[in-house]
Amino acid sequence: MLWSEVRELFPNQFILVEELKSHYENDKFHVEEVAVVRPIQDAQQAWKELFAASNGRFVYHTSNEKIIIEVRNKPMLKRLSVHES
């Protein structure tokens, strides 16, 4: 489902979605198509769902016109994992 369709069906609310089609561009993750898992009723529940999400699932608010997520490198984590090996 296109994000624009999700926004029409679930205006102004948090949604747990699964990414289906996306691409990276200039250190940003652009999501074009998603599968709606379920709407989320409040911000507190949205935080819980976000931290528990995995396998391409994430929480996003339909007030956002597009799903664009900035990708940040975490060099400290990479260094830690190298030292642990």
PDB file of N, CA and C in Angstrom:
ATOM      1  N   MET A   1       0.851  -1.170   0.000  1.00  0.00           N
ATOM      2  CA  MET A   1       0.000   0.000   0.000  1.00  0.00           C
ATOM      3  C   MET A   1       0.898   1.234   0.000  1.00  0.00           C
ATOM      4  N   LEU A   2       0.563   2.214  -0.773  1.00  0.00           N
ATOM      5  CA  LEU A   2       1.307   3.460  -0.797  1.00  0.00           C
ATOM      6  C   LEU A   2       1.060   4.245   0.489  1.00  0.00           C
ATOM      7  N   TRP A   3       2.065   5.000   0.917  1.00  0.00           N
ATOM      8  CA  TRP A   3       1.934   5.792   2.150  1.00  0.00           C
ATOM      9  C   TRP A   3       0.792   6.798   2.020  1.00  0.00           C
ATOM     10  N   SER A   4       0.587   7.360   0.854  1.00  0.00           N
ATOM     11  CA  SER A   4      -0.509   8.318   0.660  1.00  0.00           C
ATOM     12  C   SER A   4      -1.865   7.658   0.936  1.00  0.00           C
ATOM     13  N   GLU A   5      -2.000   6.386   0.587  1.00  0.00           N
ATOM     14  CA  GLU A   5      -3.246   5.655   0.865  1.00  0.00           C
ATOM     15  C   GLU A   5      -3.413   5.413   2.360  1.00  0.00           C
ATOM     16  N   VAL A   6      -2.325   5.088   3.027  1.00  0.00           N
ATOM     17  CA  VAL A   6      -2.371   4.880   4.478  1.00  0.00           C
ATOM     18  C   VAL A   6      -2.802   6.171   5.173  1.00  0.00           C
ATOM     19  N   ARG A   7      -2.256   7.286   4.718  1.00  0.00           N
ATOM     20  CA  ARG A   7      -2.596   8.590   5.305  1.00  0.00           C
ATOM     21  C   ARG A   7      -4.082   8.908   5.157  1.00  0.00           C
ATOM     22  N   GLU A   8      -4.661   8.524   4.034  1.00  0.00           N
ATOM     23  CA  GLU A   8      -6.097   8.766   3.815  1.00  0.00           C
ATOM     24  C   GLU A   8      -6.956   7.881   4.722  1.00  0.00           C
ATOM     25  N   LEU A   9      -6.550   6.623   4.878  1.00  0.00           N
ATOM     26  CA  LEU A   9      -7.329   5.683   5.694  1.00  0.00           C
ATOM     27  C   LEU A   9      -7.203   5.937   7.186  1.00  0.00           C
ATOM     28  N   PHE A  10      -6.030   6.416   7.627  1.00  0.00           N
ATOM     29  CA  PHE A  10      -5.756   6.612   9.051  1.00  0.00           C
ATOM     30  C   PHE A  10      -5.221   8.024   9.298  1.00  0.00           C
ATOM     31  N   PRO A  11      -6.050   9.037   9.140  1.00  0.00           N
ATOM     32  CA  PRO A  11      -5.552  10.411   9.289  1.00  0.00           C
ATOM     33  C   PRO A  11      -5.111  10.721  10.725  1.00  0.00           C
ATOM     34  N   ASN A  12      -3.987  11.431  10.821  1.00  0.00           N
ATOM     35  CA  ASN A  12      -3.478  11.975  12.076  1.00  0.00           C
ATOM     36  C   ASN A  12      -3.351  10.951  13.203  1.00  0.00           C
ATOM     37  N   GLN A  13      -2.685   9.837  12.920  1.00  0.00           N
ATOM     38  CA  GLN A  13      -2.433   8.859  13.969  1.00  0.00           C
ATOM     39  C   GLN A  13      -1.167   8.053  13.700  1.00  0.00           C
ATOM     40  N   PHE A  14      -0.688   7.413  14.753  1.00  0.00           N
ATOM     41  CA  PHE A  14       0.468   6.538  14.631  1.00  0.00           C
ATOM     42  C   PHE A  14       0.022   5.208  14.038  1.00  0.00           C
ATOM     43  N   ILE A  15       0.903   4.648  13.181  1.00  0.00           N
ATOM     44  CA  ILE A  15       0.605   3.376  12.527  1.00  0.00           C
ATOM     45  C   ILE A  15       1.832   2.484  12.626  1.00  0.00           C
ATOM     46  N   LEU A  16       1.632   1.229  12.996  1.00  0.00           N
ATOM     47  CA  LEU A  16       2.693   0.234  12.929  1.00  0.00           C
ATOM     48  C   LEU A  16       2.637  -0.345  11.527  1.00  0.00           C
ATOM     49  N   VAL A  17       3.743  -0.205  10.795  1.00  0.00           N
ATOM     50  CA  VAL A  17       3.789  -0.668   9.407  1.00  0.00           C
ATOM     51  C   VAL A  17       4.990  -1.575   9.184  1.00  0.00           C
ATOM     52  N   GLU A  18       4.935  -2.319   8.099  1.00  0.00           N
ATOM     53  CA  GLU A  18       6.066  -3.121   7.660  1.00  0.00           C
ATOM     54  C   GLU A  18       6.490  -2.619   6.288  1.00  0.00           C
ATOM     55  N   GLU A  19       7.766  -2.355   6.140  1.00  0.00           N
ATOM     56  CA  GLU A  19       8.313  -1.826   4.897  1.00  0.00           C
ATOM     57  C   GLU A  19       8.280  -2.910   3.819  1.00  0.00           C
ATOM     58  N   LEU A  20       7.748  -2.573   2.648  1.00  0.00           N
ATOM     59  CA  LEU A  20       7.682  -3.510   1.523  1.00  0.00           C
ATOM     60  C   LEU A  20       8.573  -3.089   0.360  1.00  0.00           C
ATOM     61  N   LYS A  21       8.641  -1.787   0.105  1.00  0.00           N
ATOM     62  CA  LYS A  21       9.448  -1.282  -1.003  1.00  0.00           C
ATOM     63  C   LYS A  21      10.114   0.014  -0.556  1.00  0.00           C
ATOM     64  N   SER A  22      11.442   0.083  -0.750  1.00  0.00           N
ATOM     65  CA  SER A  22      12.178   1.265  -0.304  1.00  0.00           C
ATOM     66  C   SER A  22      13.486   1.389  -1.069  1.00  0.00           C
ATOM     67  N   HIS A  23      14.159   2.501  -0.840  1.00  0.00           N
ATOM     68  CA  HIS A  23      15.496   2.698  -1.403  1.00  0.00           C
ATOM     69  C   HIS A  23      16.267   3.697  -0.541  1.00  0.00           C
ATOM     70  N   TYR A  24      17.604   3.647  -0.652  1.00  0.00           N
ATOM     71  CA  TYR A  24      18.476   4.591   0.037  1.00  0.00           C
ATOM     72  C   TYR A  24      18.903   5.667  -0.952  1.00  0.00           C
ATOM     73  N   GLU A  25      18.931   6.895  -0.459  1.00  0.00           N
ATOM     74  CA  GLU A  25      19.379   8.017  -1.280  1.00  0.00           C
ATOM     75  C   GLU A  25      19.952   9.089  -0.366  1.00  0.00           C
ATOM     76  N   ASN A  26      21.222   9.425  -0.564  1.00  0.00           N
ATOM     77  CA  ASN A  26      21.875  10.477   0.226  1.00  0.00           C
ATOM     78  C   ASN A  26      21.735  10.259   1.724  1.00  0.00           C
ATOM     79  N   ASP A  27      22.080   9.079   2.196  1.00  0.00           N
ATOM     80  CA  ASP A  27      22.012   8.722   3.619  1.00  0.00           C
ATOM     81  C   ASP A  27      20.604   8.806   4.198  1.00  0.00           C
ATOM     82  N   LYS A  28      19.611   8.641   3.344  1.00  0.00           N
ATOM     83  CA  LYS A  28      18.222   8.643   3.808  1.00  0.00           C
ATOM     84  C   LYS A  28      17.514   7.417   3.252  1.00  0.00           C
ATOM     85  N   PHE A  29      16.664   6.848   4.080  1.00  0.00           N
ATOM     86  CA  PHE A  29      15.891   5.663   3.748  1.00  0.00           C
ATOM     87  C   PHE A  29      14.509   6.139   3.328  1.00  0.00           C
ATOM     88  N   HIS A  30      14.153   5.959   2.066  1.00  0.00           N
ATOM     89  CA  HIS A  30      12.866   6.392   1.521  1.00  0.00           C
ATOM     90  C   HIS A  30      11.972   5.165   1.379  1.00  0.00           C
ATOM     91  N   VAL A  31      10.854   5.162   2.071  1.00  0.00           N
ATOM     92  CA  VAL A  31       9.928   4.031   2.017  1.00  0.00           C
ATOM     93  C   VAL A  31       8.766   4.408   1.101  1.00  0.00           C
ATOM     94  N   GLU A  32       8.534   3.586   0.089  1.00  0.00           N
ATOM     95  CA  GLU A  32       7.469   3.869  -0.870  1.00  0.00           C
ATOM     96  C   GLU A  32       6.203   3.068  -0.591  1.00  0.00           C
ATOM     97  N   GLU A  33       6.374   1.794  -0.221  1.00  0.00           N
ATOM     98  CA  GLU A  33       5.206   0.948   0.025  1.00  0.00           C
ATOM     99  C   GLU A  33       5.328   0.254   1.373  1.00  0.00           C
ATOM    100  N   VAL A  34       4.183   0.132   2.050  1.00  0.00           N
ATOM    101  CA  VAL A  34       4.140  -0.508   3.365  1.00  0.00           C
ATOM    102  C   VAL A  34       2.918  -1.416   3.475  1.00  0.00           C
ATOM    103  N   ALA A  35       2.985  -2.305   4.437  1.00  0.00           N
ATOM    104  CA  ALA A  35       1.811  -3.083   4.839  1.00  0.00           C
ATOM    105  C   ALA A  35       1.420  -2.566   6.220  1.00  0.00           C
ATOM    106  N   VAL A  36       0.176  -2.217   6.385  1.00  0.00           N
ATOM    107  CA  VAL A  36      -0.290  -1.739   7.686  1.00  0.00           C
ATOM    108  C   VAL A  36      -0.464  -2.938   8.600  1.00  0.00           C
ATOM    109  N   VAL A  37       0.209  -2.899   9.748  1.00  0.00           N
ATOM    110  CA  VAL A  37       0.040  -3.953  10.749  1.00  0.00           C
ATOM    111  C   VAL A  37      -1.144  -3.592  11.628  1.00  0.00           C
ATOM    112  N   ARG A  38      -1.131  -2.353  12.158  1.00  0.00           N
ATOM    113  CA  ARG A  38      -2.281  -1.878  12.942  1.00  0.00           C
ATOM    114  C   ARG A  38      -2.097  -0.411  13.307  1.00  0.00           C
ATOM    115  N   PRO A  39      -3.197   0.306  13.483  1.00  0.00           N
ATOM    116  CA  PRO A  39      -3.114   1.671  14.003  1.00  0.00           C
ATOM    117  C   PRO A  39      -2.827   1.624  15.506  1.00  0.00           C
ATOM    118  N   ILE A  40      -2.219   2.682  15.996  1.00  0.00           N
ATOM    119  CA  ILE A  40      -1.872   2.764  17.417  1.00  0.00           C
ATOM    120  C   ILE A  40      -2.599   3.968  18.003  1.00  0.00           C
ATOM    121  N   GLN A  41      -3.217   3.772  19.140  1.00  0.00           N
ATOM    122  CA  GLN A  41      -4.127   4.764  19.690  1.00  0.00           C
ATOM    123  C   GLN A  41      -3.473   5.983  20.337  1.00  0.00           C
ATOM    124  N   ASP A  42      -2.310   5.824  20.969  1.00  0.00           N
ATOM    125  CA  ASP A  42      -1.715   6.977  21.648  1.00  0.00           C
ATOM    126  C   ASP A  42      -0.191   6.957  21.555  1.00  0.00           C
ATOM    127  N   ALA A  43       0.424   8.091  21.891  1.00  0.00           N
ATOM    128  CA  ALA A  43       1.874   8.251  21.761  1.00  0.00           C
ATOM    129  C   ALA A  43       2.648   7.296  22.670  1.00  0.00           C
ATOM    130  N   GLN A  44       2.163   7.046  23.864  1.00  0.00           N
ATOM    131  CA  GLN A  44       2.858   6.140  24.783  1.00  0.00           C
ATOM    132  C   GLN A  44       2.910   4.720  24.202  1.00  0.00           C
ATOM    133  N   GLN A  45       1.820   4.253  23.667  1.00  0.00           N
ATOM    134  CA  GLN A  45       1.793   2.935  23.036  1.00  0.00           C
ATOM    135  C   GLN A  45       2.673   2.923  21.784  1.00  0.00           C
ATOM    136  N   ALA A  46       2.720   4.039  21.066  1.00  0.00           N
ATOM    137  CA  ALA A  46       3.560   4.133  19.866  1.00  0.00           C
ATOM    138  C   ALA A  46       5.030   3.941  20.227  1.00  0.00           C
ATOM    139  N   TRP A  47       5.478   4.539  21.340  1.00  0.00           N
ATOM    140  CA  TRP A  47       6.871   4.354  21.785  1.00  0.00           C
ATOM    141  C   TRP A  47       7.154   2.898  22.115  1.00  0.00           C
ATOM    142  N   LYS A  48       6.235   2.260  22.816  1.00  0.00           N
ATOM    143  CA  LYS A  48       6.412   0.848  23.162  1.00  0.00           C
ATOM    144  C   LYS A  48       6.517  -0.016  21.907  1.00  0.00           C
ATOM    145  N   GLU A  49       5.637   0.229  20.953  1.00  0.00           N
ATOM    146  CA  GLU A  49       5.640  -0.533  19.703  1.00  0.00           C
ATOM    147  C   GLU A  49       6.916  -0.274  18.901  1.00  0.00           C
ATOM    148  N   LEU A  50       7.375   0.978  18.902  1.00  0.00           N
ATOM    149  CA  LEU A  50       8.578   1.330  18.160  1.00  0.00           C
ATOM    150  C   LEU A  50       9.792   0.578  18.696  1.00  0.00           C
ATOM    151  N   PHE A  51       9.954   0.532  20.024  1.00  0.00           N
ATOM    152  CA  PHE A  51      11.108  -0.140  20.608  1.00  0.00           C
ATOM    153  C   PHE A  51      11.018  -1.663  20.490  1.00  0.00           C
ATOM    154  N   ALA A  52       9.824  -2.192  20.346  1.00  0.00           N
ATOM    155  CA  ALA A  52       9.648  -3.639  20.201  1.00  0.00           C
ATOM    156  C   ALA A  52       9.673  -4.084  18.735  1.00  0.00           C
ATOM    157  N   ALA A  53       9.605  -3.148  17.815  1.00  0.00           N
ATOM    158  CA  ALA A  53       9.502  -3.474  16.387  1.00  0.00           C
ATOM    159  C   ALA A  53      10.782  -4.116  15.852  1.00  0.00           C
ATOM    160  N   SER A  54      10.596  -5.036  14.906  1.00  0.00           N
ATOM    161  CA  SER A  54      11.728  -5.684  14.236  1.00  0.00           C
ATOM    162  C   SER A  54      11.272  -6.172  12.869  1.00  0.00           C
ATOM    163  N   ASN A  55      12.203  -6.745  12.110  1.00  0.00           N
ATOM    164  CA  ASN A  55      11.893  -7.338  10.798  1.00  0.00           C
ATOM    165  C   ASN A  55      11.225  -6.366   9.834  1.00  0.00           C
ATOM    166  N   GLY A  56      11.782  -5.161   9.728  1.00  0.00           N
ATOM    167  CA  GLY A  56      11.247  -4.192   8.780  1.00  0.00           C
ATOM    168  C   GLY A  56      10.002  -3.475   9.248  1.00  0.00           C
ATOM    169  N   ARG A  57       9.632  -3.674  10.502  1.00  0.00           N
ATOM    170  CA  ARG A  57       8.464  -2.981  11.053  1.00  0.00           C
ATOM    171  C   ARG A  57       8.903  -1.743  11.815  1.00  0.00           C
ATOM    172  N   PHE A  58       8.083  -0.707  11.750  1.00  0.00           N
ATOM    173  CA  PHE A  58       8.360   0.520  12.487  1.00  0.00           C
ATOM    174  C   PHE A  58       7.061   1.305  12.650  1.00  0.00           C
ATOM    175  N   VAL A  59       7.119   2.311  13.500  1.00  0.00           N
ATOM    176  CA  VAL A  59       5.960   3.155  13.772  1.00  0.00           C
ATOM    177  C   VAL A  59       6.197   4.516  13.118  1.00  0.00           C
ATOM    178  N   TYR A  60       5.169   5.023  12.467  1.00  0.00           N
ATOM    179  CA  TYR A  60       5.271   6.330  11.828  1.00  0.00           C
ATOM    180  C   TYR A  60       3.928   7.035  11.967  1.00  0.00           C
ATOM    181  N   HIS A  61       3.959   8.367  11.963  1.00  0.00           N
ATOM    182  CA  HIS A  61       2.722   9.138  12.123  1.00  0.00           C
ATOM    183  C   HIS A  61       2.238   9.619  10.757  1.00  0.00           C
ATOM    184  N   THR A  62       0.952   9.524  10.521  1.00  0.00           N
ATOM    185  CA  THR A  62       0.392   9.856   9.213  1.00  0.00           C
ATOM    186  C   THR A  62       0.345  11.360   8.931  1.00  0.00           C
ATOM    187  N   SER A  63       0.743  12.181   9.873  1.00  0.00           N
ATOM    188  CA  SER A  63       0.853  13.613   9.577  1.00  0.00           C
ATOM    189  C   SER A  63       2.046  13.886   8.658  1.00  0.00           C
ATOM    190  N   ASN A  64       2.970  12.911   8.561  1.00  0.00           N
ATOM    191  CA  ASN A  64       4.125  13.046   7.674  1.00  0.00           C
ATOM    192  C   ASN A  64       3.727  12.706   6.245  1.00  0.00           C
ATOM    193  N   GLU A  65       4.042  13.612   5.326  1.00  0.00           N
ATOM    194  CA  GLU A  65       3.655  13.423   3.930  1.00  0.00           C
ATOM    195  C   GLU A  65       4.368  12.241   3.287  1.00  0.00           C
ATOM    196  N   LYS A  66       5.636  12.027   3.656  1.00  0.00           N
ATOM    197  CA  LYS A  66       6.424  10.924   3.115  1.00  0.00           C
ATOM    198  C   LYS A  66       7.150  10.225   4.254  1.00  0.00           C
ATOM    199  N   ILE A  67       7.570   9.002   3.999  1.00  0.00           N
ATOM    200  CA  ILE A  67       8.392   8.283   4.975  1.00  0.00           C
ATOM    201  C   ILE A  67       9.841   8.386   4.502  1.00  0.00           C
ATOM    202  N   ILE A  68      10.575   9.272   5.165  1.00  0.00           N
ATOM    203  CA  ILE A  68      11.992   9.455   4.891  1.00  0.00           C
ATOM    204  C   ILE A  68      12.708   9.439   6.228  1.00  0.00           C
ATOM    205  N   ILE A  69      13.594   8.467   6.388  1.00  0.00           N
ATOM    206  CA  ILE A  69      14.282   8.275   7.662  1.00  0.00           C
ATOM    207  C   ILE A  69      15.772   8.490   7.444  1.00  0.00           C
ATOM    208  N   GLU A  70      16.351   9.394   8.226  1.00  0.00           N
ATOM    209  CA  GLU A  70      17.784   9.658   8.131  1.00  0.00           C
ATOM    210  C   GLU A  70      18.553   8.479   8.713  1.00  0.00           C
ATOM    211  N   VAL A  71      19.536   8.004   7.969  1.00  0.00           N
ATOM    212  CA  VAL A  71      20.364   6.886   8.407  1.00  0.00           C
ATOM    213  C   VAL A  71      21.633   7.461   9.023  1.00  0.00           C
ATOM    214  N   ARG A  72      21.889   7.099  10.264  1.00  0.00           N
ATOM    215  CA  ARG A  72      23.075   7.595  10.956  1.00  0.00           C
ATOM    216  C   ARG A  72      24.016   6.448  11.248  1.00  0.00           C
ATOM    217  N   ASN A  73      25.263   6.659  10.933  1.00  0.00           N
ATOM    218  CA  ASN A  73      26.279   5.667  11.277  1.00  0.00           C
ATOM    219  C   ASN A  73      26.606   5.801  12.755  1.00  0.00           C
ATOM    220  N   LYS A  74      26.852   4.700  13.397  1.00  0.00           N
ATOM    221  CA  LYS A  74      27.212   4.697  14.813  1.00  0.00           C
ATOM    222  C   LYS A  74      28.600   4.082  14.943  1.00  0.00           C
ATOM    223  N   PRO A  75      29.641   4.885  14.714  1.00  0.00           N
ATOM    224  CA  PRO A  75      30.984   4.324  14.715  1.00  0.00           C
ATOM    225  C   PRO A  75      31.390   3.688  16.034  1.00  0.00           C
ATOM    226  N   MET A  76      30.896   4.174  17.144  1.00  0.00           N
ATOM    227  CA  MET A  76      31.245   3.581  18.440  1.00  0.00           C
ATOM    228  C   MET A  76      30.743   2.141  18.522  1.00  0.00           C
ATOM    229  N   LEU A  77      29.568   1.885  18.009  1.00  0.00           N
ATOM    230  CA  LEU A  77      29.044   0.528  18.042  1.00  0.00           C
ATOM    231  C   LEU A  77      29.853  -0.396  17.155  1.00  0.00           C
ATOM    232  N   LYS A  78      30.296   0.112  16.024  1.00  0.00           N
ATOM    233  CA  LYS A  78      31.113  -0.697  15.131  1.00  0.00           C
ATOM    234  C   LYS A  78      32.435  -1.045  15.805  1.00  0.00           C
ATOM    235  N   ARG A  79      33.035  -0.055  16.464  1.00  0.00           N
ATOM    236  CA  ARG A  79      34.300  -0.300  17.147  1.00  0.00           C
ATOM    237  C   ARG A  79      34.128  -1.314  18.265  1.00  0.00           C
ATOM    238  N   LEU A  80      33.036  -1.205  18.991  1.00  0.00           N
ATOM    239  CA  LEU A  80      32.797  -2.154  20.075  1.00  0.00           C
ATOM    240  C   LEU A  80      32.634  -3.566  19.533  1.00  0.00           C
ATOM    241  N   SER A  81      31.903  -3.693  18.442  1.00  0.00           N
ATOM    242  CA  SER A  81      31.696  -5.037  17.901  1.00  0.00           C
ATOM    243  C   SER A  81      32.995  -5.612  17.348  1.00  0.00           C
ATOM    244  N   VAL A  82      33.869  -4.760  16.814  1.00  0.00           N
ATOM    245  CA  VAL A  82      35.158  -5.241  16.308  1.00  0.00           C
ATOM    246  C   VAL A  82      36.013  -5.747  17.465  1.00  0.00           C
ATOM    247  N   HIS A  83      36.008  -5.023  18.593  1.00  0.00           N
ATOM    248  CA  HIS A  83      36.793  -5.414  19.741  1.00  0.00           C
ATOM    249  C   HIS A  83      36.264  -6.694  20.397  1.00  0.00           C
ATOM    250  N   GLU A  84      34.973  -6.909  20.309  1.00  0.00           N
ATOM    251  CA  GLU A  84      34.378  -8.087  20.937  1.00  0.00           C
ATOM    252  C   GLU A  84      34.656  -9.357  20.130  1.00  0.00           C
ATOM    253  N   SER A  85      34.973  -9.225  18.858  1.00  0.00           N
ATOM    254  CA  SER A  85      35.169 -10.416  18.008  1.00  0.00           C
ATOM    255  C   SER A  85      36.423 -11.159  18.355  1.00  0.00           C
TER     256      SER A  85
END
